């Protein structure tokens, strides 16, 4: 997949078959659009092009919104889009000036003059342009004028529940990582650097890798204990993770820490990716380290059963 952070570098692409949107999470609905994009590109001997935006529009339009949480960091989204087979990814800088483009200016200036779109495929209820004024109906009007076809993908349902990034965020904020993963079509994940912690886990026989996530917009699932898989140095391991305030250990503060099973390497400074499998329980305050150790033994036993299944 070719990635462009400057749209001027996008040129000489044969018969661009285009979609556009934020694609946060790259969930099942997004995957359906990408699949259709690939089918059409193959049929018309074209190449797939996905136009997305960074920063996320809400970061620019509502900079004081401390509630904004996203399913993907920029790098995570790039990796997922490559995994699902997009040929060309254009990451267009979203600014206040760009947000003021009318729908017809967006179509004419970006989709037609710069990308040379031959066919545009969009998701259900897609809106674009200033104040989100543009719609599928507008695109059907603009298409014949500017020489491109447009197709809308119907809403993707799972058990009659429409998939959306908002529903996935709500599931994660309640700790339901299984439901979130079912909507995503892949396990929810987070990535970060392994940093030094208090090392209390090592004392009680459950050493943990503390994960530092730099992106403040990355959504961390609800506090609690989870069954996870951890990818470190290109290898995948089972494990259990706690995210929260560590109420048993005074002064420790918030952390994301994972106990990786059958793993003894020192990995401070290494990158790690965590894949959430299932939530085991709430984060609890124990009377002391002995009681915490007993609870962790039970957690590990339950985690191993889930991972083996």
Protein backbone atom coordinates (compact mmCIF):
# COMPACT_ATOMS: atom_id res chain seq x y z
CA UNK A 1 0.00 0.00 0.00
CA UNK A 2 1.29 3.45 -0.93
CA UNK A 3 0.71 6.17 1.67
CA UNK A 4 0.54 9.86 0.71
CA UNK A 5 0.62 12.69 3.25
CA UNK A 6 0.78 15.22 0.42
CA UNK A 7 -1.96 14.83 -2.18
CA UNK A 8 0.32 16.45 -4.78
CA UNK A 9 2.37 13.24 -4.73
CA UNK A 10 -0.66 11.23 -5.84
CA UNK A 11 -0.42 10.95 -9.62
CA UNK A 12 -0.31 8.52 -12.54
CA UNK A 13 -2.76 6.13 -10.86
CA UNK A 14 -4.72 4.06 -13.33
CA UNK A 15 -8.51 4.41 -13.10
CA UNK A 16 -8.87 5.41 -9.40
CA UNK A 17 -11.76 3.70 -7.60
CA UNK A 18 -12.23 5.91 -4.55
CA UNK A 19 -13.80 5.96 -1.10
CA UNK A 20 -13.50 8.57 1.60
CA UNK A 21 -14.09 8.89 5.34
CA UNK A 22 -12.39 8.78 8.74
CA UNK A 23 -12.52 4.96 8.92
CA UNK A 24 -11.91 4.94 12.69
CA UNK A 25 -11.64 1.30 13.79
CA UNK A 26 -11.75 -0.10 10.23
CA UNK A 27 -14.78 -2.09 11.42
CA UNK A 28 -16.98 -4.55 9.52
CA UNK A 29 -18.92 -1.76 7.83
CA UNK A 30 -15.67 -0.20 6.62
CA UNK A 31 -14.43 -3.59 5.50
CA UNK A 32 -17.54 -4.05 3.38
CA UNK A 33 -16.81 -0.75 1.61
CA UNK A 34 -13.18 -1.78 1.03
CA UNK A 35 -14.26 -5.18 -0.28
CA UNK A 36 -16.64 -3.54 -2.73
CA UNK A 37 -13.90 -1.06 -3.71
CA UNK A 38 -11.59 -3.96 -4.54
CA UNK A 39 -14.26 -5.81 -6.52
CA UNK A 40 -15.02 -2.75 -8.64
CA UNK A 41 -11.32 -1.99 -9.16
CA UNK A 42 -10.73 -5.54 -10.38
CA UNK A 43 -13.74 -5.38 -12.71
CA UNK A 44 -12.64 -2.07 -14.25
CA UNK A 45 -8.87 -2.68 -14.18
CA UNK A 46 -8.49 0.15 -11.68
CA UNK A 47 -6.71 0.77 -8.37
CA UNK A 48 -8.29 1.31 -4.96
CA UNK A 49 -7.87 4.70 -3.30
CA UNK A 50 -8.93 5.62 0.22
CA UNK A 51 -9.01 9.31 1.16
CA UNK A 52 -8.97 9.94 4.89
CA UNK A 53 -8.13 12.89 7.12
CA UNK A 54 -5.72 13.77 9.91
CA UNK A 55 -6.13 15.19 12.45
CA UNK A 56 -9.58 13.74 13.08
CA UNK A 57 -12.10 16.49 12.20
CA UNK A 58 -13.36 16.74 15.79
CA UNK A 59 -9.83 17.48 17.04
CA UNK A 60 -9.80 20.58 14.84
CA UNK A 61 -13.41 21.71 15.11
CA UNK A 62 -13.76 21.01 18.85
CA UNK A 63 -10.22 21.26 20.29
CA UNK A 64 -11.51 21.54 23.87
CA UNK A 65 -13.50 18.31 23.63
CA UNK A 66 -11.82 16.17 26.28
CA UNK A 67 -14.34 13.39 25.69
CA UNK A 68 -13.06 12.52 22.20
CA UNK A 69 -11.65 9.00 22.08
CA UNK A 70 -10.66 7.13 18.94
CA UNK A 71 -10.41 3.43 18.20
CA UNK A 72 -7.17 3.74 16.23
CA UNK A 73 -4.01 5.72 16.36
CA UNK A 74 -2.86 6.92 12.95
CA UNK A 75 -0.33 4.09 12.69
CA UNK A 76 -2.86 1.44 13.74
CA UNK A 77 -5.29 2.63 11.06
CA UNK A 78 -2.58 2.54 8.39
CA UNK A 79 -1.69 -1.04 9.35
CA UNK A 80 -5.33 -2.18 9.24
CA UNK A 81 -6.03 -0.55 5.88
CA UNK A 82 -2.95 -2.25 4.46
CA UNK A 83 -4.10 -5.56 5.95
CA UNK A 84 -7.46 -5.24 4.18
CA UNK A 85 -5.85 -4.60 0.81
CA UNK A 86 -6.12 -0.89 -0.02
CA UNK A 87 -3.74 0.11 -2.86
CA UNK A 88 -3.40 3.84 -2.14
CA UNK A 89 -4.02 5.73 1.12
CA UNK A 90 -4.21 9.53 0.99
CA UNK A 91 -4.03 11.20 4.41
CA UNK A 92 -5.31 14.72 3.81
CA UNK A 93 -4.54 17.40 6.45
CA UNK A 94 -7.80 18.48 8.07
CA UNK A 95 -7.81 22.18 8.92
CA UNK A 96 -10.46 24.78 9.71
CA UNK A 97 -9.93 26.19 6.23
CA UNK A 98 -10.52 22.76 4.67
CA UNK A 99 -13.67 22.32 6.79
CA UNK A 100 -15.17 25.40 5.10
CA UNK A 101 -15.10 23.83 1.61
CA UNK A 102 -18.61 23.39 0.27
CA UNK A 103 -19.64 19.95 -0.93
CA UNK A 104 -19.24 20.92 -4.59
CA UNK A 105 -15.80 22.47 -3.90
CA UNK A 106 -14.70 19.25 -2.18
CA UNK A 107 -15.89 17.16 -5.12
CA UNK A 108 -14.42 19.44 -7.79
CA UNK A 109 -11.13 20.42 -6.10
CA UNK A 110 -10.20 17.16 -4.35
CA UNK A 111 -12.05 14.19 -5.84
CA UNK A 112 -11.99 15.32 -9.47
CA UNK A 113 -9.09 17.71 -10.05
CA UNK A 114 -6.55 16.06 -7.75
CA UNK A 115 -7.56 12.39 -7.50
CA UNK A 116 -9.25 12.07 -10.93
CA UNK A 117 -11.95 9.81 -9.48
CA UNK A 118 -13.65 7.47 -11.96
CA UNK A 119 -15.94 5.75 -9.50
CA UNK A 120 -16.79 6.81 -5.93
CA UNK A 121 -18.04 4.27 -3.40
CA UNK A 122 -19.34 5.55 -0.07
CA UNK A 123 -20.90 4.12 3.05
CA UNK A 124 -24.50 4.44 4.12
CA UNK A 125 -25.54 7.95 5.24
CA UNK A 126 -22.18 9.48 4.30
CA UNK A 127 -21.95 13.30 4.56
CA UNK A 128 -19.19 15.67 3.54
CA UNK A 129 -18.38 19.32 2.90
CA UNK A 130 -19.11 22.40 5.01
CA UNK A 131 -21.55 21.63 7.82
CA UNK A 132 -21.80 18.09 6.41
CA UNK A 133 -24.11 19.46 3.73
CA UNK A 134 -23.09 16.95 1.04
CA UNK A 135 -24.90 13.61 0.70
CA UNK A 136 -25.36 10.68 -1.66
CA UNK A 137 -28.07 12.65 -3.46
CA UNK A 138 -25.60 15.50 -4.10
CA UNK A 139 -23.02 13.05 -5.42
CA UNK A 140 -25.54 11.58 -7.86
CA UNK A 141 -26.06 15.12 -9.19
CA UNK A 142 -22.33 15.94 -9.38
CA UNK A 143 -21.29 12.63 -10.97
CA UNK A 144 -22.58 13.25 -14.51
CA UNK A 145 -21.21 16.83 -14.43
CA UNK A 146 -17.68 15.75 -13.49
CA UNK A 147 -17.55 12.35 -15.16
CA UNK A 148 -17.61 9.85 -12.29
CA UNK A 149 -20.04 7.17 -11.13
CA UNK A 150 -21.15 6.91 -7.49
CA UNK A 151 -22.37 3.96 -5.47
CA UNK A 152 -23.68 3.81 -1.89
CA UNK A 153 -23.13 0.74 0.31
CA UNK A 154 -26.18 -0.06 2.50
CA UNK A 155 -25.81 -0.16 6.30
CA UNK A 156 -24.00 -3.26 7.53
CA UNK A 157 -25.94 -5.10 10.23
CA UNK A 158 -24.89 -7.75 12.73
CA UNK A 159 -27.88 -9.42 14.36
CA UNK A 160 -29.95 -6.44 13.21
CA UNK A 161 -27.67 -3.96 15.02
CA UNK A 162 -26.03 -1.39 12.76
CA UNK A 163 -22.25 -1.35 13.07
CA UNK A 164 -20.77 2.03 13.91
CA UNK A 165 -17.64 3.37 15.54
CA UNK A 166 -19.87 4.93 18.22
CA UNK A 167 -21.35 1.55 19.20
CA UNK A 168 -17.86 0.05 19.36
CA UNK A 169 -16.64 2.87 21.61
CA UNK A 170 -19.59 2.38 23.96
CA UNK A 171 -18.90 -1.36 24.16
CA UNK A 172 -15.25 -0.72 25.06
CA UNK A 173 -16.14 1.95 27.60
CA UNK A 174 -18.29 -0.65 29.37
CA UNK A 175 -15.52 -3.27 29.13
CA UNK A 176 -17.31 -5.47 26.60
CA UNK A 177 -14.28 -6.17 24.42
CA UNK A 178 -15.93 -9.28 22.94
CA UNK A 179 -18.81 -7.26 21.50
CA UNK A 180 -16.39 -4.61 20.25
CA UNK A 181 -14.29 -7.25 18.51
CA UNK A 182 -17.39 -8.80 16.92
CA UNK A 183 -18.22 -5.40 15.40
CA UNK A 184 -14.63 -4.74 14.37
CA UNK A 185 -14.03 -8.12 12.76
CA UNK A 186 -10.69 -8.28 14.60
CA UNK A 187 -9.62 -8.04 18.27
CA UNK A 188 -9.44 -4.55 19.70
CA UNK A 189 -5.82 -3.59 20.28
CA UNK A 190 -3.56 -0.92 21.69
CA UNK A 191 0.14 -0.30 21.18
CA UNK A 192 2.77 1.41 23.27
CA UNK A 193 6.25 1.37 24.80
CA UNK A 194 7.16 -0.87 27.74
CA UNK A 195 8.23 1.39 30.62
CA UNK A 196 9.41 0.82 34.18
CA UNK A 197 6.76 0.48 36.88
CA UNK A 198 6.77 -0.11 40.66
CA UNK A 199 7.81 -3.78 40.13
CA UNK A 200 5.44 -4.97 42.88
CA UNK A 201 4.18 -7.71 40.56
CA UNK A 202 7.63 -9.25 40.41
CA UNK A 203 7.68 -9.51 44.22
CA UNK A 204 4.50 -11.62 44.29
CA UNK A 205 5.39 -13.75 41.28
CA UNK A 206 3.41 -11.90 38.59
CA UNK A 207 5.83 -9.52 36.84
CA UNK A 208 4.13 -7.05 34.54
CA UNK A 209 5.10 -4.99 31.55
CA UNK A 210 3.78 -1.44 31.95
CA UNK A 211 2.50 -0.10 28.63
CA UNK A 212 2.74 3.63 27.92
CA UNK A 213 0.28 4.82 25.25
CA UNK A 214 1.38 8.21 23.88
CA UNK A 215 -1.78 9.12 21.96
CA UNK A 216 -4.16 10.83 24.40
CA UNK A 217 -7.09 10.19 22.06
CA UNK A 218 -6.64 6.40 22.05
CA UNK A 219 -9.59 4.72 23.77
CA UNK A 220 -8.54 2.46 26.66
CA UNK A 221 -11.20 -0.12 27.63
CA UNK A 222 -12.96 0.22 30.99
CA UNK A 223 -10.88 -0.41 34.11
CA UNK A 224 -10.59 -4.08 34.96
CA UNK A 225 -8.73 -7.33 34.35
CA UNK A 226 -8.67 -8.78 30.83
CA UNK A 227 -7.48 -11.87 29.02
CA UNK A 228 -5.17 -10.65 26.28
CA UNK A 229 -2.56 -11.62 23.74
CA UNK A 230 0.64 -9.59 23.71
CA UNK A 231 2.86 -9.15 20.68
CA UNK A 232 6.47 -8.40 21.59
CA UNK A 233 9.51 -8.62 19.30
CA UNK A 234 7.36 -10.18 16.59
CA UNK A 235 6.06 -13.03 18.78
CA UNK A 236 2.60 -13.51 20.26
CA UNK A 237 2.03 -14.59 23.88
CA UNK A 238 -0.99 -15.15 26.11
CA UNK A 239 -1.41 -12.97 29.13
CA UNK A 240 -3.66 -11.03 31.49
CA UNK A 241 -3.86 -7.27 31.74
CA UNK A 242 -5.03 -4.77 34.34
CA UNK A 243 -5.98 -1.23 33.48
CA UNK A 244 -6.96 1.22 36.20
CA UNK A 245 -5.87 2.91 39.41
CA UNK A 246 -4.23 -0.04 41.22
CA UNK A 247 -6.20 0.53 44.46
CA UNK A 248 -4.29 -2.14 46.41
CA UNK A 249 -0.93 -0.39 45.95
CA UNK A 250 -1.04 3.15 47.33
CA UNK A 251 0.55 5.87 45.25
CA UNK A 252 0.93 3.79 42.12
CA UNK A 253 -1.61 5.72 40.08
CA UNK A 254 -3.17 4.77 36.74
CA UNK A 255 -1.44 2.22 34.59
CA UNK A 256 -1.87 -0.39 31.88
CA UNK A 257 0.14 -3.47 32.84
CA UNK A 258 0.23 -6.93 31.37
CA UNK A 259 1.49 -10.17 32.87
CA UNK A 260 2.81 -12.12 29.87
CA UNK A 261 2.65 -15.90 30.35
CA UNK A 262 5.79 -18.01 29.87
CA UNK A 263 7.92 -14.93 29.27
CA UNK A 264 11.05 -13.83 31.13
CA UNK A 265 12.81 -11.32 28.84
CA UNK A 266 13.64 -7.75 29.85
CA UNK A 267 11.77 -5.56 27.38
CA UNK A 268 11.99 -2.00 28.71
CA UNK A 269 11.83 0.40 25.75
CA UNK A 270 10.37 -2.20 23.39
CA UNK A 271 7.15 -1.72 21.44
CA UNK A 272 4.26 -3.97 22.45
CA UNK A 273 0.81 -4.51 20.97
CA UNK A 274 -1.99 -5.83 23.17
CA UNK A 275 -5.03 -7.66 21.74
CA UNK A 276 -8.06 -7.80 24.06
CA UNK A 277 -9.83 -11.18 24.21
CA UNK A 278 -12.23 -11.10 27.18
CA UNK A 279 -12.90 -9.16 30.38
CA UNK A 280 -12.45 -11.25 33.53
CA UNK A 281 -13.55 -8.91 36.32
CA UNK A 282 -13.64 -5.41 37.74
CA UNK A 283 -10.54 -3.89 39.27
CA UNK A 284 -10.74 -4.56 43.01
CA UNK A 285 -9.05 -3.30 46.18
CA UNK A 286 -7.54 -6.16 48.21
CA UNK A 287 -6.48 -6.19 51.85
CA UNK A 288 -2.83 -6.67 50.91
CA UNK A 289 -0.36 -8.26 48.52
CA UNK A 290 -1.13 -11.82 49.71
CA UNK A 291 -4.81 -11.43 48.90
CA UNK A 292 -3.90 -9.83 45.57
CA UNK A 293 -1.59 -12.74 44.77
CA UNK A 294 -4.40 -15.24 45.45
CA UNK A 295 -6.77 -13.33 43.16
CA UNK A 296 -4.14 -13.20 40.40
CA UNK A 297 -3.69 -16.97 40.63
CA UNK A 298 -7.41 -17.41 39.98
CA UNK A 299 -7.29 -14.83 37.17
CA UNK A 300 -4.42 -16.66 35.49
CA UNK A 301 -6.19 -20.00 35.73
CA UNK A 302 -9.32 -18.50 34.12
CA UNK A 303 -7.26 -16.72 31.47
CA UNK A 304 -5.44 -19.92 30.49
CA UNK A 305 -8.77 -21.73 30.09
CA UNK A 306 -10.07 -18.99 27.80
CA UNK A 307 -6.88 -18.84 25.75
CA UNK A 308 -6.77 -22.64 25.34
CA UNK A 309 -10.37 -22.59 24.08
